[in-house]
N, C-alpha and C. Protein backbone atom coordinates (compact mmCIF):
# COMPACT_ATOMS: atom_id res chain seq x y z
N MET A 1 0.67 45.26 -35.93
CA MET A 1 1.87 44.59 -35.42
C MET A 1 1.83 44.43 -33.90
N VAL A 2 1.27 45.48 -33.21
CA VAL A 2 1.20 45.42 -31.76
C VAL A 2 0.29 44.29 -31.31
N LYS A 3 -0.83 44.08 -32.05
CA LYS A 3 -1.75 43.00 -31.71
C LYS A 3 -1.07 41.65 -31.85
N ILE A 4 -0.30 41.49 -32.92
CA ILE A 4 0.43 40.23 -33.13
C ILE A 4 1.43 40.02 -32.01
N SER A 5 2.10 41.10 -31.59
CA SER A 5 3.09 41.01 -30.51
C SER A 5 2.44 40.53 -29.22
N LYS A 6 1.23 41.07 -28.94
CA LYS A 6 0.53 40.66 -27.72
C LYS A 6 0.18 39.19 -27.76
N VAL A 7 -0.23 38.71 -28.92
CA VAL A 7 -0.56 37.29 -29.06
C VAL A 7 0.67 36.44 -28.81
N MET A 8 1.81 36.86 -29.35
CA MET A 8 3.05 36.11 -29.18
C MET A 8 3.46 36.08 -27.71
N ILE A 9 3.28 37.21 -27.02
CA ILE A 9 3.63 37.27 -25.60
C ILE A 9 2.77 36.30 -24.80
N VAL A 10 1.47 36.27 -25.10
CA VAL A 10 0.57 35.35 -24.40
C VAL A 10 0.99 33.91 -24.63
N CYS A 11 1.38 33.58 -25.86
CA CYS A 11 1.83 32.22 -26.17
C CYS A 11 3.06 31.85 -25.37
N VAL A 12 4.00 32.79 -25.25
CA VAL A 12 5.21 32.54 -24.47
C VAL A 12 4.86 32.32 -23.01
N LEU A 13 3.96 33.16 -22.48
CA LEU A 13 3.54 33.02 -21.09
C LEU A 13 2.92 31.66 -20.82
N LEU A 14 2.06 31.22 -21.72
CA LEU A 14 1.40 29.93 -21.54
C LEU A 14 2.38 28.78 -21.61
N SER A 15 3.31 28.84 -22.56
CA SER A 15 4.25 27.73 -22.72
C SER A 15 5.18 27.61 -21.54
N LEU A 16 5.61 28.75 -20.99
CA LEU A 16 6.53 28.71 -19.86
C LEU A 16 5.79 28.42 -18.55
N SER A 17 4.59 29.00 -18.40
CA SER A 17 3.86 28.76 -17.16
C SER A 17 3.47 27.31 -17.01
N SER A 18 3.27 26.61 -18.12
CA SER A 18 2.93 25.19 -18.03
C SER A 18 4.07 24.40 -17.42
N GLN A 19 5.31 24.90 -17.59
CA GLN A 19 6.46 24.23 -17.01
C GLN A 19 6.47 24.35 -15.49
N LEU A 20 5.90 25.48 -14.98
CA LEU A 20 5.85 25.67 -13.54
C LEU A 20 4.94 24.65 -12.86
N TRP A 21 3.90 24.22 -13.59
CA TRP A 21 2.90 23.34 -13.01
C TRP A 21 2.98 21.95 -13.61
N ALA A 22 4.17 21.58 -14.06
CA ALA A 22 4.30 20.35 -14.84
C ALA A 22 4.28 19.09 -14.00
N HIS A 23 4.17 19.22 -12.71
CA HIS A 23 4.27 18.02 -11.89
C HIS A 23 3.11 17.88 -10.92
N GLY A 24 1.91 18.09 -11.42
CA GLY A 24 0.72 17.85 -10.61
C GLY A 24 0.68 18.69 -9.36
N GLY A 25 0.62 18.02 -8.20
CA GLY A 25 0.47 18.72 -6.93
C GLY A 25 1.71 19.43 -6.44
N VAL A 26 2.87 19.18 -7.04
CA VAL A 26 4.11 19.84 -6.61
C VAL A 26 4.27 21.15 -7.36
N VAL A 27 4.42 22.25 -6.61
CA VAL A 27 4.52 23.58 -7.20
C VAL A 27 5.79 24.26 -6.71
N SER A 28 6.50 24.92 -7.63
CA SER A 28 7.70 25.66 -7.28
C SER A 28 7.32 27.10 -6.99
N ARG A 29 7.74 27.59 -5.82
CA ARG A 29 7.51 28.99 -5.44
C ARG A 29 8.80 29.58 -4.91
N GLY A 30 9.51 30.28 -5.80
CA GLY A 30 10.80 30.83 -5.42
C GLY A 30 11.78 29.71 -5.13
N ASN A 31 12.36 29.73 -3.94
CA ASN A 31 13.31 28.69 -3.54
C ASN A 31 12.64 27.52 -2.83
N GLU A 32 11.31 27.55 -2.75
CA GLU A 32 10.59 26.50 -2.05
C GLU A 32 9.76 25.66 -3.01
N CYS A 33 9.66 24.37 -2.69
CA CYS A 33 8.77 23.47 -3.44
C CYS A 33 7.65 23.08 -2.49
N ARG A 34 6.44 23.16 -2.98
CA ARG A 34 5.31 22.85 -2.12
C ARG A 34 4.41 21.80 -2.76
N LEU A 35 3.96 20.90 -1.92
CA LEU A 35 3.03 19.87 -2.34
C LEU A 35 1.65 20.27 -1.81
N LEU A 36 0.71 20.43 -2.73
CA LEU A 36 -0.64 20.82 -2.37
C LEU A 36 -1.52 19.59 -2.28
N VAL A 37 -2.17 19.41 -1.15
CA VAL A 37 -3.08 18.28 -0.97
C VAL A 37 -4.38 18.84 -0.38
N GLY A 38 -5.40 18.94 -1.23
CA GLY A 38 -6.62 19.60 -0.81
C GLY A 38 -6.32 21.04 -0.45
N PRO A 39 -6.80 21.52 0.70
CA PRO A 39 -6.53 22.90 1.11
C PRO A 39 -5.22 23.06 1.87
N TYR A 40 -4.48 21.98 2.00
CA TYR A 40 -3.28 21.99 2.84
C TYR A 40 -1.99 22.09 2.02
N VAL A 41 -0.97 22.64 2.69
CA VAL A 41 0.33 22.86 2.04
C VAL A 41 1.41 22.09 2.79
N ILE A 42 2.28 21.43 2.02
CA ILE A 42 3.41 20.69 2.57
C ILE A 42 4.67 21.11 1.83
N ASN A 43 5.71 21.47 2.56
CA ASN A 43 6.99 21.75 1.93
C ASN A 43 7.62 20.44 1.47
N PHE A 44 8.09 20.43 0.22
CA PHE A 44 8.59 19.21 -0.43
C PHE A 44 10.06 19.41 -0.79
N SER A 45 10.92 18.51 -0.33
CA SER A 45 12.35 18.59 -0.64
C SER A 45 12.88 17.22 -1.04
N GLY A 46 13.56 17.15 -2.18
CA GLY A 46 14.17 15.91 -2.63
C GLY A 46 15.68 16.01 -2.62
N TYR A 47 16.35 14.97 -2.15
CA TYR A 47 17.81 14.97 -2.07
C TYR A 47 18.36 13.65 -2.59
N GLN A 48 19.57 13.71 -3.14
CA GLN A 48 20.31 12.51 -3.53
C GLN A 48 21.74 12.66 -3.00
N PRO A 49 21.93 12.35 -1.71
CA PRO A 49 23.21 12.62 -1.04
C PRO A 49 24.43 11.99 -1.69
N GLN A 50 24.28 10.84 -2.33
CA GLN A 50 25.43 10.18 -2.96
C GLN A 50 25.94 10.96 -4.16
N ASN A 51 25.02 11.57 -4.90
CA ASN A 51 25.40 12.22 -6.15
C ASN A 51 25.48 13.74 -6.07
N ASN A 52 24.61 14.34 -5.28
CA ASN A 52 24.54 15.79 -5.28
C ASN A 52 24.64 16.42 -3.90
N ARG A 53 24.81 15.60 -2.90
CA ARG A 53 24.99 16.04 -1.52
C ARG A 53 23.93 17.05 -1.08
N SER A 54 24.27 18.33 -1.04
CA SER A 54 23.34 19.30 -0.47
C SER A 54 22.33 19.85 -1.46
N GLU A 55 22.44 19.50 -2.74
CA GLU A 55 21.52 20.05 -3.74
C GLU A 55 20.11 19.53 -3.51
N GLN A 56 19.14 20.43 -3.63
CA GLN A 56 17.74 20.09 -3.38
C GLN A 56 16.97 20.06 -4.69
N PHE A 57 16.07 19.07 -4.83
CA PHE A 57 15.28 18.94 -6.04
C PHE A 57 13.81 19.11 -5.72
N CYS A 58 13.11 19.76 -6.65
CA CYS A 58 11.70 20.05 -6.42
C CYS A 58 10.79 18.95 -6.92
N ASP A 59 11.22 18.24 -7.93
CA ASP A 59 10.32 17.24 -8.52
C ASP A 59 11.10 16.03 -9.00
N ASP A 60 11.68 16.12 -10.21
CA ASP A 60 12.42 14.99 -10.75
C ASP A 60 13.75 14.79 -10.03
N LEU A 61 14.17 13.53 -9.94
CA LEU A 61 15.47 13.19 -9.36
C LEU A 61 16.39 12.84 -10.52
N PRO A 62 17.47 13.60 -10.73
CA PRO A 62 18.28 13.45 -11.94
C PRO A 62 19.08 12.16 -12.04
N ASN A 63 19.34 11.51 -10.92
CA ASN A 63 20.17 10.30 -10.94
C ASN A 63 19.46 9.14 -10.25
N ILE A 64 19.91 7.93 -10.57
CA ILE A 64 19.43 6.77 -9.83
C ILE A 64 20.24 6.68 -8.53
N GLY A 65 19.83 5.80 -7.63
CA GLY A 65 20.56 5.63 -6.38
C GLY A 65 19.72 6.04 -5.18
N GLU A 66 20.39 6.15 -4.04
CA GLU A 66 19.71 6.51 -2.80
C GLU A 66 19.09 7.90 -2.92
N SER A 67 17.82 7.98 -2.60
CA SER A 67 17.09 9.24 -2.71
C SER A 67 16.28 9.47 -1.43
N ILE A 68 16.20 10.73 -1.05
CA ILE A 68 15.47 11.10 0.17
C ILE A 68 14.48 12.20 -0.17
N ILE A 69 13.25 12.01 0.25
CA ILE A 69 12.22 13.03 0.11
C ILE A 69 11.74 13.41 1.51
N VAL A 70 11.77 14.69 1.79
CA VAL A 70 11.34 15.18 3.10
C VAL A 70 10.07 16.02 2.92
N LEU A 71 9.03 15.67 3.67
CA LEU A 71 7.78 16.41 3.65
C LEU A 71 7.60 17.11 4.99
N ASP A 72 7.50 18.42 4.94
CA ASP A 72 7.33 19.23 6.15
C ASP A 72 5.91 19.82 6.14
N PHE A 73 5.09 19.39 7.08
CA PHE A 73 3.69 19.79 7.10
C PHE A 73 3.55 21.24 7.56
N VAL A 74 3.29 22.14 6.63
CA VAL A 74 3.12 23.55 6.95
C VAL A 74 1.85 23.76 7.77
N ASP A 75 0.78 23.11 7.35
CA ASP A 75 -0.49 23.22 8.08
C ASP A 75 -0.51 22.23 9.24
N ARG A 76 -0.64 22.74 10.44
CA ARG A 76 -0.55 21.91 11.64
C ARG A 76 -1.66 20.87 11.72
N LYS A 77 -2.78 21.12 11.05
CA LYS A 77 -3.88 20.16 11.12
C LYS A 77 -3.46 18.80 10.55
N LEU A 78 -2.49 18.81 9.64
CA LEU A 78 -2.02 17.56 9.04
C LEU A 78 -1.41 16.63 10.09
N ARG A 79 -0.95 17.19 11.18
CA ARG A 79 -0.34 16.37 12.23
C ARG A 79 -1.36 15.47 12.92
N ASN A 80 -2.62 15.83 12.79
CA ASN A 80 -3.69 15.04 13.39
C ASN A 80 -4.37 14.12 12.38
N MET A 81 -3.84 14.09 11.16
CA MET A 81 -4.41 13.25 10.11
C MET A 81 -3.43 12.14 9.75
N THR A 82 -3.95 11.01 9.27
CA THR A 82 -3.04 9.96 8.81
C THR A 82 -2.53 10.33 7.43
N VAL A 83 -1.29 9.94 7.15
CA VAL A 83 -0.66 10.25 5.87
C VAL A 83 -0.15 8.96 5.24
N ASN A 84 -0.57 8.71 4.02
CA ASN A 84 -0.16 7.52 3.26
C ASN A 84 0.58 7.98 2.01
N PHE A 85 1.79 7.47 1.81
CA PHE A 85 2.62 7.84 0.66
C PHE A 85 2.81 6.63 -0.24
N ARG A 86 2.47 6.77 -1.52
CA ARG A 86 2.62 5.67 -2.47
C ARG A 86 3.34 6.14 -3.73
N VAL A 87 4.10 5.22 -4.31
CA VAL A 87 4.74 5.49 -5.60
C VAL A 87 4.40 4.34 -6.54
N ILE A 88 3.92 4.70 -7.73
CA ILE A 88 3.51 3.72 -8.73
C ILE A 88 4.35 3.92 -9.99
N LYS A 89 4.72 2.84 -10.64
CA LYS A 89 5.48 2.96 -11.89
C LYS A 89 4.59 3.50 -13.00
N ALA A 90 5.17 4.36 -13.85
CA ALA A 90 4.44 4.94 -14.97
C ALA A 90 5.13 4.57 -16.28
N ASP A 91 4.36 4.61 -17.36
CA ASP A 91 4.91 4.25 -18.67
C ASP A 91 5.56 5.43 -19.37
N ALA A 92 5.21 6.64 -18.97
CA ALA A 92 5.71 7.82 -19.68
C ALA A 92 6.00 8.95 -18.70
N ALA A 93 6.74 9.94 -19.20
CA ALA A 93 7.09 11.10 -18.39
C ALA A 93 5.85 11.97 -18.16
N PRO A 94 5.91 12.89 -17.19
CA PRO A 94 4.79 13.80 -16.95
C PRO A 94 4.41 14.56 -18.22
N LEU A 95 3.12 14.85 -18.38
CA LEU A 95 2.64 15.52 -19.58
C LEU A 95 2.96 17.01 -19.58
N GLY A 96 3.09 17.59 -18.40
CA GLY A 96 3.31 19.03 -18.34
C GLY A 96 2.01 19.80 -18.48
N THR A 97 0.89 19.17 -18.15
CA THR A 97 -0.42 19.82 -18.23
C THR A 97 -1.17 19.60 -16.93
N ALA A 98 -2.39 20.13 -16.88
CA ALA A 98 -3.23 19.97 -15.69
C ALA A 98 -3.59 18.51 -15.44
N GLU A 99 -3.48 17.69 -16.47
CA GLU A 99 -3.79 16.26 -16.33
C GLU A 99 -2.89 15.58 -15.31
N ASP A 100 -1.68 16.10 -15.14
CA ASP A 100 -0.73 15.49 -14.20
C ASP A 100 -1.27 15.45 -12.78
N GLY A 101 -2.13 16.40 -12.44
CA GLY A 101 -2.62 16.47 -11.07
C GLY A 101 -3.92 15.73 -10.83
N LYS A 102 -4.50 15.13 -11.87
CA LYS A 102 -5.79 14.46 -11.72
C LYS A 102 -5.63 13.06 -11.14
N VAL A 103 -6.35 12.80 -10.07
CA VAL A 103 -6.30 11.49 -9.40
C VAL A 103 -6.92 10.43 -10.30
N ASN A 104 -6.22 9.29 -10.39
CA ASN A 104 -6.68 8.18 -11.22
C ASN A 104 -6.95 6.98 -10.30
N GLU A 105 -8.21 6.62 -10.15
CA GLU A 105 -8.58 5.54 -9.23
C GLU A 105 -7.97 4.20 -9.65
N ALA A 106 -7.83 3.99 -10.97
CA ALA A 106 -7.24 2.74 -11.46
C ALA A 106 -5.78 2.64 -11.01
N GLU A 107 -5.08 3.77 -11.00
CA GLU A 107 -3.69 3.78 -10.53
C GLU A 107 -3.64 3.44 -9.04
N LEU A 108 -4.54 4.04 -8.28
CA LEU A 108 -4.54 3.81 -6.84
C LEU A 108 -4.82 2.35 -6.49
N ALA A 109 -5.49 1.64 -7.39
CA ALA A 109 -5.81 0.23 -7.15
C ALA A 109 -4.64 -0.68 -7.46
N GLN A 110 -3.61 -0.15 -8.14
CA GLN A 110 -2.45 -0.96 -8.50
C GLN A 110 -1.58 -1.25 -7.27
N THR A 111 -0.77 -2.30 -7.40
CA THR A 111 0.22 -2.59 -6.36
C THR A 111 1.34 -1.56 -6.46
N PRO A 112 1.63 -0.81 -5.41
CA PRO A 112 2.63 0.25 -5.49
C PRO A 112 4.04 -0.29 -5.72
N PHE A 113 4.87 0.54 -6.34
CA PHE A 113 6.30 0.25 -6.46
C PHE A 113 6.90 0.24 -5.06
N PHE A 114 6.52 1.20 -4.26
CA PHE A 114 6.78 1.15 -2.81
C PHE A 114 5.76 2.05 -2.12
N GLU A 115 5.59 1.81 -0.82
CA GLU A 115 4.55 2.51 -0.08
C GLU A 115 4.93 2.66 1.38
N ILE A 116 4.53 3.78 1.95
CA ILE A 116 4.61 3.98 3.40
C ILE A 116 3.18 4.01 3.91
N PRO A 117 2.77 3.00 4.67
CA PRO A 117 1.38 2.90 5.13
C PRO A 117 0.93 4.13 5.91
N ALA A 118 -0.37 4.31 5.96
CA ALA A 118 -0.95 5.47 6.64
C ALA A 118 -0.62 5.48 8.13
N LYS A 119 -0.16 6.61 8.61
CA LYS A 119 0.13 6.78 10.04
C LYS A 119 0.14 8.27 10.37
N HIS A 120 0.18 8.57 11.65
CA HIS A 120 0.24 9.96 12.09
C HIS A 120 1.69 10.42 12.21
N TYR A 121 1.91 11.70 11.95
CA TYR A 121 3.23 12.30 12.11
C TYR A 121 3.07 13.53 13.01
N PRO A 122 3.03 13.30 14.33
CA PRO A 122 2.76 14.39 15.28
C PRO A 122 3.81 15.50 15.27
N ASN A 123 5.03 15.18 14.80
CA ASN A 123 6.06 16.22 14.74
C ASN A 123 6.01 17.01 13.42
N GLY A 124 5.11 16.61 12.52
CA GLY A 124 4.93 17.35 11.27
C GLY A 124 6.01 17.13 10.24
N LEU A 125 6.77 16.06 10.37
CA LEU A 125 7.86 15.80 9.43
C LEU A 125 7.83 14.34 8.98
N MET A 126 7.85 14.13 7.67
CA MET A 126 7.85 12.78 7.10
C MET A 126 9.06 12.62 6.19
N THR A 127 9.87 11.61 6.44
CA THR A 127 11.06 11.37 5.63
C THR A 127 10.92 10.05 4.88
N ILE A 128 11.08 10.11 3.56
CA ILE A 128 10.96 8.92 2.71
C ILE A 128 12.32 8.62 2.11
N GLU A 129 12.80 7.40 2.28
CA GLU A 129 14.07 6.98 1.70
C GLU A 129 13.83 5.81 0.75
N GLN A 130 14.42 5.91 -0.43
CA GLN A 130 14.24 4.84 -1.42
C GLN A 130 15.46 4.77 -2.33
N ASN A 131 15.89 3.54 -2.63
CA ASN A 131 17.01 3.33 -3.54
C ASN A 131 16.45 2.99 -4.92
N PHE A 132 16.56 3.92 -5.85
CA PHE A 132 16.11 3.69 -7.22
C PHE A 132 17.27 3.08 -8.00
N THR A 133 17.15 1.82 -8.37
CA THR A 133 18.24 1.11 -9.04
C THR A 133 18.20 1.28 -10.56
N GLU A 134 17.08 1.72 -11.10
CA GLU A 134 16.95 1.93 -12.54
C GLU A 134 16.22 3.24 -12.79
N LYS A 135 16.56 3.87 -13.91
CA LYS A 135 15.84 5.10 -14.24
C LYS A 135 14.43 4.76 -14.72
N GLY A 136 13.53 5.71 -14.56
CA GLY A 136 12.15 5.46 -14.97
C GLY A 136 11.24 6.60 -14.60
N HIS A 137 9.98 6.43 -14.93
CA HIS A 137 8.95 7.43 -14.63
C HIS A 137 8.00 6.86 -13.58
N PHE A 138 7.58 7.72 -12.68
CA PHE A 138 6.77 7.28 -11.56
C PHE A 138 5.64 8.27 -11.27
N ILE A 139 4.69 7.81 -10.49
CA ILE A 139 3.59 8.67 -10.03
C ILE A 139 3.51 8.55 -8.52
N GLY A 140 3.64 9.68 -7.86
CA GLY A 140 3.53 9.71 -6.42
C GLY A 140 2.12 10.08 -5.99
N TYR A 141 1.66 9.46 -4.92
CA TYR A 141 0.35 9.80 -4.35
C TYR A 141 0.52 10.06 -2.87
N LEU A 142 -0.04 11.15 -2.41
CA LEU A 142 -0.08 11.43 -0.98
C LEU A 142 -1.55 11.50 -0.57
N ILE A 143 -1.92 10.67 0.39
CA ILE A 143 -3.32 10.59 0.83
C ILE A 143 -3.38 10.96 2.31
N VAL A 144 -4.11 12.01 2.62
CA VAL A 144 -4.26 12.44 4.01
C VAL A 144 -5.74 12.35 4.39
N GLU A 145 -6.01 11.87 5.59
CA GLU A 145 -7.41 11.77 6.00
C GLU A 145 -7.57 11.69 7.51
N ASP A 146 -8.76 12.06 7.94
CA ASP A 146 -9.18 11.85 9.33
C ASP A 146 -10.64 11.38 9.29
N GLU A 147 -11.34 11.51 10.38
CA GLU A 147 -12.72 11.00 10.43
C GLU A 147 -13.66 11.76 9.50
N ASN A 148 -13.31 13.01 9.20
CA ASN A 148 -14.24 13.85 8.44
C ASN A 148 -13.75 14.23 7.04
N GLU A 149 -12.47 14.12 6.79
CA GLU A 149 -11.93 14.59 5.52
C GLU A 149 -10.96 13.59 4.91
N LYS A 150 -10.86 13.64 3.58
CA LYS A 150 -9.87 12.85 2.86
C LYS A 150 -9.45 13.62 1.61
N PHE A 151 -8.14 13.80 1.45
CA PHE A 151 -7.63 14.51 0.29
C PHE A 151 -6.49 13.71 -0.33
N ILE A 152 -6.41 13.77 -1.66
CA ILE A 152 -5.39 13.02 -2.40
C ILE A 152 -4.65 13.96 -3.34
N SER A 153 -3.33 13.88 -3.33
CA SER A 153 -2.51 14.66 -4.25
C SER A 153 -1.73 13.72 -5.16
N ARG A 154 -1.73 14.01 -6.45
CA ARG A 154 -1.01 13.19 -7.45
C ARG A 154 0.12 14.01 -8.04
N PHE A 155 1.32 13.45 -8.08
CA PHE A 155 2.46 14.19 -8.63
C PHE A 155 3.41 13.24 -9.38
N PRO A 156 3.38 13.25 -10.70
CA PRO A 156 4.31 12.43 -11.50
C PRO A 156 5.74 12.97 -11.36
N PHE A 157 6.70 12.08 -11.46
CA PHE A 157 8.11 12.50 -11.45
C PHE A 157 8.95 11.45 -12.16
N SER A 158 10.15 11.85 -12.52
CA SER A 158 11.07 10.95 -13.22
C SER A 158 12.36 10.81 -12.43
N VAL A 159 13.02 9.69 -12.60
CA VAL A 159 14.29 9.41 -11.93
C VAL A 159 15.32 8.99 -12.97
N GLY A 160 16.51 9.61 -12.91
CA GLY A 160 17.59 9.21 -13.81
C GLY A 160 17.62 9.92 -15.14
N TYR A 161 16.92 11.04 -15.24
CA TYR A 161 16.91 11.84 -16.47
C TYR A 161 17.40 13.24 -16.13
N PRO A 162 18.71 13.50 -16.22
CA PRO A 162 19.25 14.82 -15.87
C PRO A 162 18.62 15.92 -16.71
N LYS A 163 18.42 17.06 -16.08
CA LYS A 163 17.87 18.20 -16.80
C LYS A 163 18.97 18.87 -17.61
N ASN A 164 18.73 19.02 -18.89
CA ASN A 164 19.78 19.60 -19.72
C ASN A 164 19.27 20.50 -20.83
N ASN A 165 17.97 20.82 -20.84
CA ASN A 165 17.52 21.75 -21.85
C ASN A 165 17.01 23.03 -21.21
N PHE A 166 16.76 24.03 -22.04
CA PHE A 166 16.44 25.38 -21.55
C PHE A 166 15.24 25.40 -20.62
N LEU A 167 14.13 24.81 -21.05
CA LEU A 167 12.92 24.86 -20.25
C LEU A 167 13.05 24.09 -18.95
N ASP A 168 13.78 22.96 -18.99
CA ASP A 168 13.98 22.19 -17.77
C ASP A 168 14.76 22.98 -16.74
N ILE A 169 15.81 23.66 -17.20
CA ILE A 169 16.66 24.41 -16.28
C ILE A 169 15.88 25.52 -15.60
N PHE A 170 15.00 26.20 -16.36
CA PHE A 170 14.28 27.34 -15.83
C PHE A 170 12.94 26.98 -15.19
N SER A 171 12.51 25.72 -15.33
CA SER A 171 11.16 25.37 -14.91
C SER A 171 10.90 25.55 -13.43
N ASN A 172 11.94 25.44 -12.60
CA ASN A 172 11.75 25.55 -11.15
C ASN A 172 12.25 26.88 -10.60
N ASN A 173 12.46 27.86 -11.48
CA ASN A 173 12.95 29.15 -11.05
C ASN A 173 12.04 30.25 -11.58
N PRO A 174 10.98 30.57 -10.87
CA PRO A 174 10.01 31.57 -11.34
C PRO A 174 10.63 32.92 -11.65
N ILE A 175 11.61 33.36 -10.85
CA ILE A 175 12.24 34.65 -11.08
C ILE A 175 12.93 34.68 -12.43
N ALA A 176 13.64 33.60 -12.75
CA ALA A 176 14.32 33.52 -14.04
C ALA A 176 13.31 33.52 -15.18
N ILE A 177 12.21 32.81 -14.98
CA ILE A 177 11.18 32.74 -16.02
C ILE A 177 10.56 34.11 -16.25
N ILE A 178 10.27 34.84 -15.16
CA ILE A 178 9.70 36.18 -15.29
C ILE A 178 10.66 37.09 -16.04
N ALA A 179 11.96 36.98 -15.73
CA ALA A 179 12.96 37.80 -16.41
C ALA A 179 13.00 37.48 -17.90
N VAL A 180 12.94 36.19 -18.23
CA VAL A 180 12.97 35.79 -19.64
C VAL A 180 11.73 36.30 -20.36
N ILE A 181 10.56 36.14 -19.73
CA ILE A 181 9.31 36.60 -20.35
C ILE A 181 9.35 38.11 -20.57
N ALA A 182 9.82 38.84 -19.55
CA ALA A 182 9.89 40.30 -19.67
C ALA A 182 10.83 40.71 -20.80
N GLY A 183 11.98 40.03 -20.89
CA GLY A 183 12.93 40.33 -21.95
C GLY A 183 12.36 40.09 -23.33
N ILE A 184 11.68 38.95 -23.49
CA ILE A 184 11.07 38.62 -24.78
C ILE A 184 9.97 39.62 -25.12
N ALA A 185 9.16 39.97 -24.11
CA ALA A 185 8.06 40.91 -24.34
C ALA A 185 8.58 42.27 -24.79
N ILE A 186 9.61 42.76 -24.10
CA ILE A 186 10.19 44.06 -24.46
C ILE A 186 10.77 44.01 -25.87
N MET A 187 11.47 42.93 -26.18
CA MET A 187 12.08 42.80 -27.50
C MET A 187 11.02 42.82 -28.60
N ILE A 188 9.94 42.06 -28.38
CA ILE A 188 8.87 41.99 -29.38
C ILE A 188 8.21 43.35 -29.57
N LEU A 189 7.94 44.05 -28.46
CA LEU A 189 7.29 45.35 -28.54
C LEU A 189 8.18 46.39 -29.22
N VAL A 190 9.47 46.37 -28.88
CA VAL A 190 10.40 47.33 -29.49
C VAL A 190 10.50 47.10 -30.99
N VAL A 191 10.67 45.84 -31.38
CA VAL A 191 10.76 45.52 -32.81
C VAL A 191 9.47 45.91 -33.52
N GLY A 192 8.33 45.64 -32.87
CA GLY A 192 7.04 45.97 -33.47
C GLY A 192 6.87 47.46 -33.69
N ARG A 193 7.27 48.26 -32.70
CA ARG A 193 7.14 49.71 -32.82
C ARG A 193 8.06 50.26 -33.91
N LYS A 194 9.27 49.72 -33.98
CA LYS A 194 10.20 50.18 -35.02
C LYS A 194 9.65 49.90 -36.41
N ARG A 195 9.04 48.73 -36.57
CA ARG A 195 8.47 48.39 -37.87
C ARG A 195 7.29 49.29 -38.19
N ASP A 196 6.46 49.56 -37.17
CA ASP A 196 5.31 50.44 -37.38
C ASP A 196 5.76 51.84 -37.77
N GLN A 197 6.81 52.34 -37.08
CA GLN A 197 7.33 53.67 -37.40
C GLN A 197 7.90 53.71 -38.80
N SER A 198 8.59 52.63 -39.17
CA SER A 198 9.17 52.54 -40.51
C SER A 198 8.09 52.55 -41.57
N ASN A 199 7.01 51.82 -41.31
CA ASN A 199 5.89 51.77 -42.27
C ASN A 199 5.21 53.13 -42.39
N GLU A 200 5.08 53.85 -41.26
CA GLU A 200 4.47 55.17 -41.28
C GLU A 200 5.30 56.14 -42.11
N LYS A 201 6.63 56.05 -41.97
CA LYS A 201 7.52 56.92 -42.74
C LYS A 201 7.40 56.66 -44.23
N LYS A 202 7.30 55.36 -44.58
CA LYS A 202 7.16 55.00 -45.99
C LYS A 202 5.87 55.56 -46.57
N LYS A 203 4.77 55.47 -45.78
CA LYS A 203 3.49 56.00 -46.24
C LYS A 203 3.56 57.51 -46.42
N THR A 204 4.25 58.20 -45.47
CA THR A 204 4.39 59.65 -45.55
C THR A 204 5.17 60.06 -46.79
N ASN A 205 6.27 59.33 -47.04
CA ASN A 205 7.10 59.64 -48.21
C ASN A 205 6.35 59.42 -49.51
N VAL A 206 5.56 58.36 -49.52
CA VAL A 206 4.78 58.05 -50.73
C VAL A 206 3.72 59.13 -50.96
N GLY A 207 3.10 59.58 -49.85
CA GLY A 207 2.08 60.62 -49.95
C GLY A 207 2.68 61.94 -50.40
């Protein structure tokens, strides 16, 4: 029974951890969202002032309308590199797997839904404003480069699909996920031990 419990715990860990990495290069770490591009880290913040005012989003934007994405370059070297931001329309929502982060050259060759051409940001802050008039699924690309290096980050996201199920609510809160996993693990182990003890008693009585 204990072996079965361990297998179940691993399955729960895998299913929930996939939610943490469900958006390609964008990763949730506590109260911060980070966009990983090559070896560099960028703080990622999404806002919809008309609908949610001060609420911050890590990946998907729950409503259509005016949206703001702020990129704060944690690594100072990025200030000396050009940064190109592109958004491409997608046919489906993010897969929730490692595939979300894989760069697709065919996508990069498409005409973007909108784009901010490559330029330098010496102050380390990039602000993107866009009015999404219809809900849909999109793929964001961030391309950073200089004379010697070039890195590309791919991050799918959706607009206009409010989060309303259990996994969506907890997907950007690692502490909550850890608590849930711990609770499930303890419950499974306790139930397993009780059953094992019960079976041992039955065997003793029969003997």
